[in-house]
C-alpha atoms as a PDB file:
ATOM      1  CA  UNK A   1      32.835  -4.594   7.593  1.00  0.00           C
ATOM      2  CA  UNK A   2      29.360  -4.275   9.089  1.00  0.00           C
ATOM      3  CA  UNK A   3      30.704  -3.603  12.503  1.00  0.00           C
ATOM      4  CA  UNK A   4      33.184  -1.100  11.370  1.00  0.00           C
ATOM      5  CA  UNK A   5      30.551   0.717   9.581  1.00  0.00           C
ATOM      6  CA  UNK A   6      27.948   1.105  12.556  1.00  0.00           C
ATOM      7  CA  UNK A   7      30.758   1.917  15.002  1.00  0.00           C
ATOM      8  CA  UNK A   8      32.075   4.785  12.763  1.00  0.00           C
ATOM      9  CA  UNK A   9      31.999   8.189  14.106  1.00  0.00           C
ATOM     10  CA  UNK A  10      28.859   9.985  13.247  1.00  0.00           C
ATOM     11  CA  UNK A  11      26.959   6.894  11.851  1.00  0.00           C
ATOM     12  CA  UNK A  12      24.109   6.925  14.507  1.00  0.00           C
ATOM     13  CA  UNK A  13      23.859  10.657  14.528  1.00  0.00           C
ATOM     14  CA  UNK A  14      23.372  10.492  10.758  1.00  0.00           C
ATOM     15  CA  UNK A  15      20.773   7.736  11.125  1.00  0.00           C
ATOM     16  CA  UNK A  16      18.692   9.612  13.802  1.00  0.00           C
ATOM     17  CA  UNK A  17      18.947  12.922  11.464  1.00  0.00           C
ATOM     18  CA  UNK A  18      17.445  11.110   8.400  1.00  0.00           C
ATOM     19  CA  UNK A  19      15.122   9.183  10.553  1.00  0.00           C
ATOM     20  CA  UNK A  20      13.620  12.374  11.754  1.00  0.00           C
ATOM     21  CA  UNK A  21      13.625  14.217   8.495  1.00  0.00           C
ATOM     22  CA  UNK A  22      12.031  11.174   6.739  1.00  0.00           C
ATOM     23  CA  UNK A  23       9.146  11.005   9.349  1.00  0.00           C
ATOM     24  CA  UNK A  24       8.365  14.708   9.296  1.00  0.00           C
ATOM     25  CA  UNK A  25       8.406  14.734   5.203  1.00  0.00           C
ATOM     26  CA  UNK A  26       6.496  11.824   4.817  1.00  0.00           C
ATOM     27  CA  UNK A  27       4.026  12.939   7.401  1.00  0.00           C
ATOM     28  CA  UNK A  28       3.458  16.183   5.380  1.00  0.00           C
ATOM     29  CA  UNK A  29       3.142  14.104   2.251  1.00  0.00           C
ATOM     30  CA  UNK A  30       0.413  12.022   3.921  1.00  0.00           C
ATOM     31  CA  UNK A  31      -1.256  15.134   5.271  1.00  0.00           C
ATOM     32  CA  UNK A  32      -1.105  16.460   1.576  1.00  0.00           C
ATOM     33  CA  UNK A  33      -2.966  13.541   0.317  1.00  0.00           C
ATOM     34  CA  UNK A  34      -5.896  14.083   2.446  1.00  0.00           C
ATOM     35  CA  UNK A  35      -6.005  17.856   1.579  1.00  0.00           C
ATOM     36  CA  UNK A  36      -4.234  19.221   4.759  1.00  0.00           C
ATOM     37  CA  UNK A  37      -7.451  18.167   6.742  1.00  0.00           C
ATOM     38  CA  UNK A  38      -7.513  19.212  10.416  1.00  0.00           C
ATOM     39  CA  UNK A  39      -8.969  15.681  11.157  1.00  0.00           C
ATOM     40  CA  UNK A  40      -5.578  14.086  10.058  1.00  0.00           C
ATOM     41  CA  UNK A  41      -3.633  15.812  12.960  1.00  0.00           C
ATOM     42  CA  UNK A  42      -5.319  13.320  15.318  1.00  0.00           C
ATOM     43  CA  UNK A  43      -2.805  10.665  14.466  1.00  0.00           C
ATOM     44  CA  UNK A  44      -2.634   7.685  16.691  1.00  0.00           C
ATOM     45  CA  UNK A  45       0.350   6.228  18.336  1.00  0.00           C
ATOM     46  CA  UNK A  46       0.691   3.506  15.820  1.00  0.00           C
ATOM     47  CA  UNK A  47       0.910   5.936  13.070  1.00  0.00           C
ATOM     48  CA  UNK A  48       3.653   7.715  14.813  1.00  0.00           C
ATOM     49  CA  UNK A  49       5.407   4.438  15.316  1.00  0.00           C
ATOM     50  CA  UNK A  50       5.132   3.503  11.664  1.00  0.00           C
ATOM     51  CA  UNK A  51       6.553   6.898  10.503  1.00  0.00           C
ATOM     52  CA  UNK A  52       9.337   6.558  12.934  1.00  0.00           C
ATOM     53  CA  UNK A  53       9.943   2.953  11.961  1.00  0.00           C
ATOM     54  CA  UNK A  54       9.966   3.623   8.265  1.00  0.00           C
ATOM     55  CA  UNK A  55      12.212   6.664   8.841  1.00  0.00           C
ATOM     56  CA  UNK A  56      14.625   4.379  10.688  1.00  0.00           C
ATOM     57  CA  UNK A  57      14.678   1.951   7.883  1.00  0.00           C
ATOM     58  CA  UNK A  58      15.318   4.506   5.324  1.00  0.00           C
ATOM     59  CA  UNK A  59      17.834   6.419   7.445  1.00  0.00           C
ATOM     60  CA  UNK A  60      19.773   3.203   8.442  1.00  0.00           C
ATOM     61  CA  UNK A  61      20.096   1.965   4.971  1.00  0.00           C
ATOM     62  CA  UNK A  62      21.038   5.326   3.495  1.00  0.00           C
ATOM     63  CA  UNK A  63      23.673   6.067   6.115  1.00  0.00           C
ATOM     64  CA  UNK A  64      24.990   2.633   5.865  1.00  0.00           C
ATOM     65  CA  UNK A  65      25.464   2.776   2.287  1.00  0.00           C
ATOM     66  CA  UNK A  66      27.165   6.154   2.450  1.00  0.00           C
ATOM     67  CA  UNK A  67      29.541   5.087   5.182  1.00  0.00           C
ATOM     68  CA  UNK A  68      30.366   1.829   3.524  1.00  0.00           C
ATOM     69  CA  UNK A  69      31.248   3.626   0.307  1.00  0.00           C
ATOM     70  CA  UNK A  70      33.486   5.942   2.231  1.00  0.00           C
ATOM     71  CA  UNK A  71      35.237   3.044   4.326  1.00  0.00           C
ATOM     72  CA  UNK A  72      35.630   1.114   1.025  1.00  0.00           C
ATOM     73  CA  UNK A  73      37.138   3.885  -0.803  1.00  0.00           C
ATOM     74  CA  UNK A  74      39.329   4.679   2.163  1.00  0.00           C
ATOM     75  CA  UNK A  75      40.499   1.081   2.087  1.00  0.00           C
ATOM     76  CA  UNK A  76      41.230   0.841  -1.646  1.00  0.00           C
ATOM     77  CA  UNK A  77      43.372   4.076  -1.258  1.00  0.00           C
ATOM     78  CA  UNK A  78      45.598   2.549   1.547  1.00  0.00           C
ATOM     79  CA  UNK A  79      46.437  -0.683  -0.676  1.00  0.00           C
END
């Protein structure tokens, strides 16, 4: 089922869009916690990597669950 889910049309597009959305939202949340300080904008490459990696984990897991549910429901209807 795993291979079927990750090879489904639109899976990776959804993962990428959720990854970017999560990274942007989390960036602004972190920035808000420091009071929108201009010094926060000097983020390191490590911070950017952590945001993207965290976004990927979130995006992959949410998208996998969504597509798995769709495929499972489709398989149950075909029985």
